[in-house]
Amino acid sequence: MSSSYRGLVEEIEIQRNNMIRLASETSLSNQKVIEASKKLDSLLNQYYLLLAQ
């Protein structure tokens, strides 16, 4: 497993946990939760592109 892959997986987990924490403290429609979700989507897209190589 390459270091870029491991780093990306770690970053995904951090962002996922951050989004869950924000949603539990506010609401799913809160702008910070939406921004965290978009960031997580971007990271997941990068992950799937890396897997497809």
N, C-alpha and C. Protein backbone atom coordinates (compact mmCIF):
# COMPACT_ATOMS: atom_id res chain seq x y z
N MET A 1 0.86 -1.18 0.00
CA MET A 1 0.00 0.00 0.00
C MET A 1 0.90 1.23 0.00
N SER A 2 0.69 2.12 -0.95
CA SER A 2 1.53 3.31 -1.06
C SER A 2 1.21 4.31 0.05
N SER A 3 2.16 5.18 0.30
CA SER A 3 1.96 6.18 1.35
C SER A 3 0.87 7.17 0.97
N SER A 4 0.74 7.48 -0.34
CA SER A 4 -0.31 8.42 -0.75
C SER A 4 -1.69 7.80 -0.52
N TYR A 5 -1.79 6.49 -0.76
CA TYR A 5 -3.05 5.78 -0.52
C TYR A 5 -3.39 5.79 0.97
N ARG A 6 -2.41 5.45 1.80
CA ARG A 6 -2.65 5.44 3.24
C ARG A 6 -3.00 6.82 3.77
N GLY A 7 -2.30 7.83 3.28
CA GLY A 7 -2.57 9.19 3.71
C GLY A 7 -3.97 9.64 3.33
N LEU A 8 -4.40 9.24 2.14
CA LEU A 8 -5.73 9.59 1.67
C LEU A 8 -6.80 8.89 2.50
N VAL A 9 -6.59 7.62 2.81
CA VAL A 9 -7.55 6.88 3.65
C VAL A 9 -7.64 7.52 5.03
N GLU A 10 -6.51 7.92 5.57
CA GLU A 10 -6.50 8.58 6.89
C GLU A 10 -7.24 9.91 6.82
N GLU A 11 -6.99 10.67 5.76
CA GLU A 11 -7.66 11.96 5.60
C GLU A 11 -9.18 11.78 5.45
N ILE A 12 -9.59 10.73 4.74
CA ILE A 12 -11.02 10.43 4.59
C ILE A 12 -11.64 10.14 5.95
N GLU A 13 -10.99 9.34 6.75
CA GLU A 13 -11.52 9.01 8.08
C GLU A 13 -11.61 10.25 8.97
N ILE A 14 -10.61 11.10 8.92
CA ILE A 14 -10.63 12.33 9.71
C ILE A 14 -11.79 13.22 9.28
N GLN A 15 -11.94 13.38 7.97
CA GLN A 15 -13.03 14.23 7.46
C GLN A 15 -14.39 13.63 7.77
N ARG A 16 -14.50 12.32 7.67
CA ARG A 16 -15.76 11.65 7.98
C ARG A 16 -16.15 11.88 9.44
N ASN A 17 -15.19 11.69 10.33
CA ASN A 17 -15.45 11.91 11.76
C ASN A 17 -15.79 13.36 12.05
N ASN A 18 -15.12 14.27 11.37
CA ASN A 18 -15.41 15.69 11.55
C ASN A 18 -16.84 16.01 11.12
N MET A 19 -17.25 15.46 9.97
CA MET A 19 -18.60 15.70 9.49
C MET A 19 -19.65 15.14 10.45
N ILE A 20 -19.41 13.95 10.95
CA ILE A 20 -20.34 13.33 11.90
C ILE A 20 -20.44 14.17 13.18
N ARG A 21 -19.30 14.65 13.66
CA ARG A 21 -19.29 15.48 14.86
C ARG A 21 -20.06 16.77 14.64
N LEU A 22 -19.79 17.42 13.51
CA LEU A 22 -20.50 18.66 13.21
C LEU A 22 -22.01 18.43 13.11
N ALA A 23 -22.41 17.36 12.45
CA ALA A 23 -23.83 17.07 12.28
C ALA A 23 -24.50 16.78 13.62
N SER A 24 -23.77 16.14 14.52
CA SER A 24 -24.36 15.83 15.83
C SER A 24 -24.47 17.08 16.71
N GLU A 25 -23.62 18.05 16.45
CA GLU A 25 -23.64 19.29 17.23
C GLU A 25 -24.60 20.33 16.65
N THR A 26 -24.89 20.24 15.36
CA THR A 26 -25.75 21.23 14.72
C THR A 26 -26.92 20.50 14.04
N SER A 27 -26.99 20.60 12.74
CA SER A 27 -28.02 19.87 11.97
C SER A 27 -27.41 19.48 10.63
N LEU A 28 -28.06 18.55 9.95
CA LEU A 28 -27.55 18.09 8.66
C LEU A 28 -27.58 19.20 7.61
N SER A 29 -28.42 20.18 7.79
CA SER A 29 -28.52 21.27 6.82
C SER A 29 -27.62 22.46 7.16
N ASN A 30 -26.86 22.37 8.23
CA ASN A 30 -25.95 23.43 8.62
C ASN A 30 -24.87 23.59 7.55
N GLN A 31 -24.51 24.82 7.24
CA GLN A 31 -23.53 25.09 6.17
C GLN A 31 -22.19 24.41 6.43
N LYS A 32 -21.75 24.34 7.66
CA LYS A 32 -20.47 23.68 7.97
C LYS A 32 -20.53 22.19 7.68
N VAL A 33 -21.68 21.57 7.94
CA VAL A 33 -21.86 20.15 7.65
C VAL A 33 -21.85 19.92 6.14
N ILE A 34 -22.51 20.80 5.41
CA ILE A 34 -22.55 20.69 3.96
C ILE A 34 -21.14 20.84 3.37
N GLU A 35 -20.38 21.79 3.87
CA GLU A 35 -19.01 21.98 3.41
C GLU A 35 -18.15 20.76 3.73
N ALA A 36 -18.32 20.19 4.92
CA ALA A 36 -17.57 18.99 5.30
C ALA A 36 -17.95 17.82 4.40
N SER A 37 -19.22 17.74 4.05
CA SER A 37 -19.69 16.67 3.16
C SER A 37 -19.09 16.81 1.77
N LYS A 38 -19.02 18.02 1.27
CA LYS A 38 -18.41 18.26 -0.04
C LYS A 38 -16.92 17.90 -0.03
N LYS A 39 -16.24 18.25 1.04
CA LYS A 39 -14.82 17.90 1.17
C LYS A 39 -14.65 16.38 1.20
N LEU A 40 -15.52 15.71 1.95
CA LEU A 40 -15.47 14.25 2.01
C LEU A 40 -15.75 13.65 0.63
N ASP A 41 -16.71 14.18 -0.08
CA ASP A 41 -17.00 13.70 -1.45
C ASP A 41 -15.77 13.83 -2.34
N SER A 42 -15.10 14.95 -2.24
CA SER A 42 -13.90 15.18 -3.05
C SER A 42 -12.81 14.16 -2.71
N LEU A 43 -12.61 13.92 -1.43
CA LEU A 43 -11.60 12.94 -1.00
C LEU A 43 -11.97 11.54 -1.48
N LEU A 44 -13.24 11.19 -1.41
CA LEU A 44 -13.67 9.87 -1.87
C LEU A 44 -13.50 9.74 -3.38
N ASN A 45 -13.76 10.81 -4.12
CA ASN A 45 -13.52 10.78 -5.57
C ASN A 45 -12.04 10.55 -5.87
N GLN A 46 -11.17 11.21 -5.13
CA GLN A 46 -9.73 11.00 -5.30
C GLN A 46 -9.34 9.56 -5.01
N TYR A 47 -9.95 9.01 -3.96
CA TYR A 47 -9.68 7.62 -3.56
C TYR A 47 -10.06 6.66 -4.68
N TYR A 48 -11.26 6.83 -5.24
CA TYR A 48 -11.71 5.93 -6.30
C TYR A 48 -10.87 6.10 -7.58
N LEU A 49 -10.43 7.31 -7.87
CA LEU A 49 -9.55 7.51 -9.01
C LEU A 49 -8.21 6.81 -8.80
N LEU A 50 -7.72 6.85 -7.59
CA LEU A 50 -6.46 6.17 -7.26
C LEU A 50 -6.61 4.66 -7.39
N LEU A 51 -7.75 4.13 -6.97
CA LEU A 51 -8.00 2.70 -7.10
C LEU A 51 -8.11 2.26 -8.56
N ALA A 52 -8.62 3.13 -9.41
CA ALA A 52 -8.86 2.77 -10.80
C ALA A 52 -7.56 2.73 -11.62
N GLN A 53 -6.48 3.27 -11.09
CA GLN A 53 -5.21 3.30 -11.82
C GLN A 53 -4.59 1.94 -11.92
